[in-house]
Amino acid sequence: MEDNEFDVIIVGGGCAGYPAAVYSKRFNLKTLVIAKERGGLITTTHLVENYPGFISVTGQELGDALQAHVEANNVPISDDMVESVEKIEENGKSYFIVKTSFLKKEYKAKTVILATGTKHKHLGAPGEAEFNHKGVSYCATCDGPFFRGKEAIIVGGSDSAAKEAMVLSSICSKVTMLVRSTLKAEPINSDRVRAIENIEILEGVQVKEIKGDKTVTSVELDNGSEIPASAVFIAIGMLPQNELAKQLALELNGKGEVIIDRLSQTNVEGVYAAGDVTDSEWKQGIIGSAEGSVAAYSAFEHIQKYHQ
């Protein structure tokens, strides 16, 4: 097998991609991980308290641990971005041509596992784009320290939004949560948020406009009120990174998520998907890890059946 040829190429290096790599190597498959962001989105989480085996760990520590497991199995990780995946037929067998945009590499693979995850959903309110990186952020762990001692706003009522608010409560003088309907965090986190003195929760409100001069200064609500703030952290959900899935004509659901079965198989033979990019209802790191492991098994079975 040539240096640029692999049994399986895994796109994504997070909670789904890294376990897929570990299991692929255990199946003695020549494996490559291509990850534009090592560790995935979990690394932006302040604390993870629901990943079995870790009572409490930062997202960065968990991402590092998963990566260390991959490296211990001598699986190469390329810091690159996949721009295209194409299925080809050759000598009666199917292969995939994977091209990257940063390093301009071209690889050939017998199977592909998509673990591309999600990206932050944008609010779409006036001022959001204008003040991006000027007070508007999508990651409290990343950017919270820039607003130490100042007032901040969290837009969203999910469990992720509650966790972001807790992170900011130890940094900012005041944190206001703007919730469109009602707070929908896990009960344990909902109770924690409500118990923190410098967090105020406003339910049944929406952002009309993010205002400022050179940086954010306030947020106007749909009820006509205006809240002063130096930062606005938006946590209103995620969108699947499905660009490669569309290239491969994978079947998607109404949310744009890749439809998989219990073996992480897609509608295209030889292509598997795992983690938050899929249609699994419950988005959790441990779910992605399980799906990644199953995807590796399915890739192994496919290769045993069609490439021997």
Protein backbone atom coordinates (compact mmCIF):
# COMPACT_ATOMS: atom_id res chain seq x y z
CA MET A 1 0.00 0.00 0.00
CA GLU A 2 1.39 3.42 -1.00
CA ASP A 3 2.13 6.12 1.59
CA ASN A 4 -0.93 8.09 0.51
CA GLU A 5 -3.23 5.05 0.54
CA PHE A 6 -5.23 4.00 3.61
CA ASP A 7 -7.79 1.46 4.66
CA VAL A 8 -9.76 4.16 6.44
CA ILE A 9 -9.57 7.94 6.56
CA ILE A 10 -11.34 9.61 9.47
CA VAL A 11 -12.39 13.22 8.99
CA GLY A 12 -12.55 14.90 12.38
CA GLY A 13 -10.53 14.64 15.57
CA GLY A 14 -12.96 14.82 18.46
CA CYS A 15 -15.07 12.57 20.66
CA ALA A 16 -16.20 10.56 17.63
CA GLY A 17 -13.17 10.70 15.35
CA TYR A 18 -10.50 9.77 17.88
CA PRO A 19 -12.23 6.61 19.20
CA ALA A 20 -12.85 5.60 15.59
CA ALA A 21 -9.10 5.87 15.03
CA VAL A 22 -8.24 3.77 18.09
CA TYR A 23 -10.58 0.98 17.05
CA SER A 24 -9.53 1.13 13.41
CA LYS A 25 -5.93 0.55 14.45
CA ARG A 26 -6.99 -2.28 16.75
CA PHE A 27 -8.58 -3.88 13.68
CA ASN A 28 -5.14 -3.54 12.06
CA LEU A 29 -6.37 -1.05 9.48
CA LYS A 30 -4.01 1.50 8.03
CA THR A 31 -5.61 4.65 9.41
CA LEU A 32 -5.31 8.41 8.98
CA VAL A 33 -7.07 11.12 10.96
CA ILE A 34 -7.49 14.50 9.28
CA ALA A 35 -8.54 17.16 11.79
CA LYS A 36 -8.60 20.90 11.29
CA GLU A 37 -9.20 21.32 15.04
CA ARG A 38 -7.61 18.73 17.31
CA GLY A 39 -9.89 17.58 20.10
CA GLY A 40 -13.04 18.93 18.51
CA LEU A 41 -15.66 21.18 20.01
CA ILE A 42 -15.48 19.45 23.41
CA THR A 43 -12.22 21.31 24.06
CA THR A 44 -14.18 24.57 24.37
CA THR A 45 -16.26 23.15 27.23
CA HIS A 46 -15.22 24.32 30.69
CA LEU A 47 -16.14 21.20 32.66
CA VAL A 48 -17.33 17.76 31.56
CA GLU A 49 -18.99 15.76 34.32
CA ASN A 50 -20.90 13.13 32.35
CA TYR A 51 -18.20 11.25 30.42
CA PRO A 52 -17.82 7.82 32.09
CA GLY A 53 -14.46 7.33 33.79
CA PHE A 54 -13.95 11.05 34.40
CA ILE A 55 -15.79 12.41 37.42
CA SER A 56 -14.91 15.97 36.45
CA VAL A 57 -12.55 17.02 33.69
CA THR A 58 -12.12 20.09 31.53
CA GLY A 59 -13.04 19.75 27.89
CA GLN A 60 -9.44 20.41 26.90
CA GLU A 61 -8.18 17.67 29.21
CA LEU A 62 -10.69 15.20 27.78
CA GLY A 63 -9.74 16.11 24.22
CA ASP A 64 -6.05 15.73 25.08
CA ALA A 65 -6.68 12.32 26.67
CA LEU A 66 -8.52 11.07 23.59
CA GLN A 67 -5.73 12.34 21.35
CA ALA A 68 -3.07 10.71 23.51
CA HIS A 69 -4.87 7.39 23.09
CA VAL A 70 -4.74 7.79 19.31
CA GLU A 71 -1.05 8.71 19.38
CA ALA A 72 -0.26 5.76 21.65
CA ASN A 73 -1.61 3.55 18.85
CA ASN A 74 0.68 5.27 16.33
CA VAL A 75 -2.14 6.63 14.20
CA PRO A 76 -1.03 9.71 12.22
CA ILE A 77 -3.04 12.91 12.68
CA SER A 78 -2.90 15.50 9.92
CA ASP A 79 -3.65 19.12 10.84
CA ASP A 80 -5.45 19.81 7.61
CA MET A 81 -8.91 20.44 6.22
CA VAL A 82 -10.66 18.10 3.81
CA GLU A 83 -12.16 20.01 0.92
CA SER A 84 -13.52 17.10 -1.12
CA VAL A 85 -14.27 13.39 -1.01
CA GLU A 86 -15.10 11.52 -4.21
CA LYS A 87 -16.09 7.90 -4.66
CA ILE A 88 -14.49 6.11 -7.60
CA GLU A 89 -14.66 2.62 -9.06
CA GLU A 90 -11.41 0.82 -9.85
CA ASN A 91 -10.98 -2.80 -10.93
CA GLY A 92 -14.45 -3.65 -9.72
CA LYS A 93 -13.94 -2.13 -6.28
CA SER A 94 -14.88 1.22 -4.83
CA TYR A 95 -12.39 3.70 -3.33
CA PHE A 96 -12.46 7.27 -2.15
CA ILE A 97 -10.24 10.15 -3.21
CA VAL A 98 -9.78 12.62 -0.35
CA LYS A 99 -8.29 16.04 -1.11
CA THR A 100 -7.27 18.67 1.44
CA SER A 101 -7.19 22.44 1.21
CA PHE A 102 -4.39 23.53 3.57
CA LEU A 103 -1.58 21.13 2.68
CA LYS A 104 -2.97 20.31 -0.79
CA LYS A 105 -2.69 16.58 -0.20
CA GLU A 106 -4.50 13.80 -2.06
CA TYR A 107 -5.23 10.44 -0.46
CA LYS A 108 -6.88 7.21 -1.50
CA ALA A 109 -8.99 5.25 0.99
CA LYS A 110 -11.04 2.07 1.00
CA THR A 111 -13.47 3.58 3.51
CA VAL A 112 -14.23 6.98 5.01
CA ILE A 113 -15.61 7.88 8.43
CA LEU A 114 -17.14 11.35 8.76
CA ALA A 115 -16.86 12.73 12.30
CA THR A 116 -17.06 16.38 11.32
CA GLY A 117 -19.27 17.48 14.19
CA THR A 118 -21.13 20.76 14.32
CA LYS A 119 -20.61 24.50 14.20
CA HIS A 120 -22.26 27.27 16.21
CA LYS A 121 -25.63 28.55 15.04
CA HIS A 122 -25.81 32.31 14.55
CA LEU A 123 -28.53 34.51 15.95
CA GLY A 124 -29.01 36.63 12.83
CA ALA A 125 -29.73 39.80 14.79
CA PRO A 126 -28.49 43.21 13.64
CA GLY A 127 -25.05 43.89 15.09
CA GLU A 128 -24.07 40.23 15.48
CA ALA A 129 -21.77 40.11 12.47
CA GLU A 130 -20.57 43.68 12.93
CA PHE A 131 -19.37 43.05 16.48
CA ASN A 132 -18.08 39.51 16.01
CA HIS A 133 -14.76 39.35 17.89
CA LYS A 134 -15.57 42.81 19.22
CA GLY A 135 -17.73 41.64 22.08
CA VAL A 136 -19.78 38.97 20.31
CA SER A 137 -18.52 35.45 20.95
CA TYR A 138 -19.66 31.84 20.76
CA CYS A 139 -17.33 30.41 23.41
CA ALA A 140 -17.22 31.57 27.03
CA THR A 141 -14.24 29.37 27.87
CA CYS A 142 -12.28 30.86 24.98
CA ASP A 143 -13.15 34.54 25.33
CA GLY A 144 -14.59 35.01 28.81
CA PRO A 145 -11.28 36.13 30.40
CA PHE A 146 -11.23 39.16 28.08
CA PHE A 147 -14.25 40.53 29.96
CA ARG A 148 -13.13 40.03 33.53
CA GLY A 149 -15.07 42.25 35.93
CA LYS A 150 -17.50 43.40 33.23
CA GLU A 151 -21.15 42.67 32.50
CA ALA A 152 -21.93 39.93 29.99
CA ILE A 153 -24.99 38.44 28.30
CA ILE A 154 -25.68 34.83 27.37
CA VAL A 155 -28.28 34.27 24.64
CA GLY A 156 -29.86 30.84 24.95
CA GLY A 157 -31.58 28.54 27.38
CA SER A 158 -30.05 25.14 26.67
CA ASP A 159 -27.75 23.09 28.87
CA SER A 160 -24.78 24.50 26.95
CA ALA A 161 -25.98 28.04 27.62
CA ALA A 162 -26.29 27.28 31.34
CA LYS A 163 -22.73 25.94 31.43
CA GLU A 164 -21.48 29.04 29.60
CA ALA A 165 -23.24 31.22 32.16
CA MET A 166 -21.58 29.37 35.02
CA VAL A 167 -18.16 29.86 33.47
CA LEU A 168 -18.77 33.59 33.05
CA SER A 169 -20.19 34.00 36.58
CA SER A 170 -16.72 33.46 38.03
CA ILE A 171 -15.19 35.99 35.62
CA CYS A 172 -17.73 38.74 35.02
CA SER A 173 -19.40 41.07 37.50
CA LYS A 174 -22.86 40.14 36.22
CA VAL A 175 -24.23 37.62 33.73
CA THR A 176 -27.69 37.97 32.19
CA MET A 177 -29.23 34.98 30.43
CA LEU A 178 -31.69 35.87 27.68
CA VAL A 179 -33.99 32.89 27.11
CA ARG A 180 -36.51 32.90 24.28
CA SER A 181 -38.96 30.59 26.07
CA THR A 182 -37.94 28.84 29.30
CA LEU A 183 -34.65 27.53 30.66
CA LYS A 184 -34.22 23.97 29.35
CA ALA A 185 -30.91 22.96 30.89
CA GLU A 186 -30.45 19.62 32.63
CA PRO A 187 -32.06 19.87 36.09
CA ILE A 188 -28.71 19.78 37.91
CA ASN A 189 -27.34 22.67 35.84
CA SER A 190 -30.60 24.59 35.95
CA ASP A 191 -30.50 24.47 39.74
CA ARG A 192 -26.87 25.54 39.78
CA VAL A 193 -27.49 28.53 37.52
CA ARG A 194 -30.49 29.73 39.51
CA ALA A 195 -28.44 29.53 42.72
CA ILE A 196 -25.60 31.79 41.51
CA GLU A 197 -26.13 35.34 42.77
CA ASN A 198 -24.62 37.25 39.86
CA ILE A 199 -26.63 35.40 37.20
CA GLU A 200 -29.98 36.86 36.19
CA ILE A 201 -32.32 34.83 33.98
CA LEU A 202 -34.80 36.65 31.75
CA GLU A 203 -37.26 34.25 30.10
CA GLY A 204 -39.63 34.96 27.23
CA VAL A 205 -37.41 37.57 25.59
CA GLN A 206 -35.54 37.83 22.30
CA VAL A 207 -32.65 39.94 21.05
CA LYS A 208 -33.73 42.70 18.71
CA GLU A 209 -30.30 44.26 18.15
CA ILE A 210 -26.75 44.14 19.47
CA LYS A 211 -25.51 47.69 19.86
CA GLY A 212 -22.15 49.33 20.30
CA ASP A 213 -19.55 51.73 19.03
CA LYS A 214 -16.20 50.09 18.35
CA THR A 215 -17.22 47.22 20.65
CA VAL A 216 -20.46 45.93 22.18
CA THR A 217 -22.12 48.25 24.69
CA SER A 218 -25.68 46.91 25.03
CA VAL A 219 -28.43 44.63 23.76
CA GLU A 220 -31.90 45.81 22.85
CA LEU A 221 -34.72 43.32 23.49
CA ASP A 222 -37.97 42.79 21.63
CA ASN A 223 -39.88 44.22 24.61
CA GLY A 224 -38.18 47.58 24.15
CA SER A 225 -35.79 47.33 27.09
CA GLU A 226 -32.02 47.69 26.73
CA ILE A 227 -29.40 45.87 28.79
CA PRO A 228 -25.86 47.22 29.12
CA ALA A 229 -23.10 44.69 28.44
CA SER A 230 -19.52 44.49 27.22
CA ALA A 231 -19.95 41.02 25.76
CA VAL A 232 -22.66 38.87 24.19
CA PHE A 233 -22.13 35.11 24.17
CA ILE A 234 -24.45 33.29 21.80
CA ALA A 235 -25.40 29.71 22.68
CA ILE A 236 -28.54 28.92 20.69
CA GLY A 237 -27.60 25.58 19.22
CA MET A 238 -25.46 23.97 16.57
CA LEU A 239 -25.54 23.16 12.87
CA PRO A 240 -24.09 19.94 11.39
CA GLN A 241 -20.94 20.33 9.33
CA ASN A 242 -22.35 18.35 6.43
CA GLU A 243 -20.56 19.81 3.42
CA LEU A 244 -18.66 16.57 2.70
CA ALA A 245 -21.81 14.54 3.29
CA LYS A 246 -23.55 16.54 0.58
CA GLN A 247 -20.64 15.94 -1.80
CA LEU A 248 -21.05 12.21 -1.28
CA ALA A 249 -24.85 12.41 -1.69
CA LEU A 250 -25.42 11.03 1.79
CA GLU A 251 -29.01 10.95 2.97
CA LEU A 252 -29.75 13.82 5.38
CA ASN A 253 -32.71 14.50 7.66
CA GLY A 254 -34.61 17.77 7.87
CA LYS A 255 -31.96 19.24 10.17
CA GLY A 256 -29.20 18.47 7.68
CA GLU A 257 -27.83 15.65 9.83
CA VAL A 258 -26.41 12.47 8.29
CA ILE A 259 -28.79 9.55 8.66
CA ILE A 260 -27.06 6.45 10.03
CA ASP A 261 -28.16 3.03 11.24
CA ARG A 262 -27.06 1.21 14.38
CA LEU A 263 -23.79 0.27 12.69
CA SER A 264 -22.99 3.91 11.80
CA GLN A 265 -23.61 3.09 8.13
CA THR A 266 -24.84 5.73 5.71
CA ASN A 267 -26.72 5.14 2.46
CA VAL A 268 -23.39 5.12 0.56
CA GLU A 269 -21.46 1.87 0.88
CA GLY A 270 -18.04 2.41 2.44
CA VAL A 271 -18.98 5.71 4.09
CA TYR A 272 -19.74 5.86 7.81
CA ALA A 273 -20.59 8.72 10.12
CA ALA A 274 -20.39 9.29 13.85
CA GLY A 275 -20.98 11.98 16.46
CA ASP A 276 -22.87 15.23 16.34
CA VAL A 277 -23.00 15.36 12.52
CA THR A 278 -25.38 12.39 12.57
CA ASP A 279 -29.10 12.16 13.25
CA SER A 280 -28.63 10.68 16.72
CA GLU A 281 -31.15 12.51 18.87
CA TRP A 282 -28.99 12.90 21.97
CA LYS A 283 -25.80 14.86 21.32
CA GLN A 284 -23.26 13.72 23.90
CA GLY A 285 -19.54 13.02 23.77
CA ILE A 286 -20.01 9.45 24.95
CA ILE A 287 -22.58 8.83 22.21
CA GLY A 288 -20.15 10.06 19.58
CA SER A 289 -17.39 7.87 21.00
CA ALA A 290 -19.62 4.81 20.77
CA GLU A 291 -20.68 5.65 17.22
CA GLY A 292 -17.06 6.20 16.19
CA SER A 293 -16.09 2.81 17.57
CA VAL A 294 -18.98 1.16 15.73
CA ALA A 295 -18.02 2.98 12.52
CA ALA A 296 -14.53 1.50 12.75
CA TYR A 297 -16.04 -1.98 13.13
CA SER A 298 -18.26 -1.43 10.09
CA ALA A 299 -15.31 -0.18 8.05
CA PHE A 300 -13.34 -3.30 9.02
CA GLU A 301 -16.25 -5.56 8.01
CA HIS A 302 -16.59 -3.75 4.68
CA ILE A 303 -12.90 -4.13 3.89
CA GLN A 304 -12.95 -7.82 4.83
CA LYS A 305 -15.88 -8.37 2.49
CA TYR A 306 -14.95 -6.24 -0.51
CA HIS A 307 -11.19 -5.64 -0.46
CA GLN A 308 -9.62 -9.00 0.25
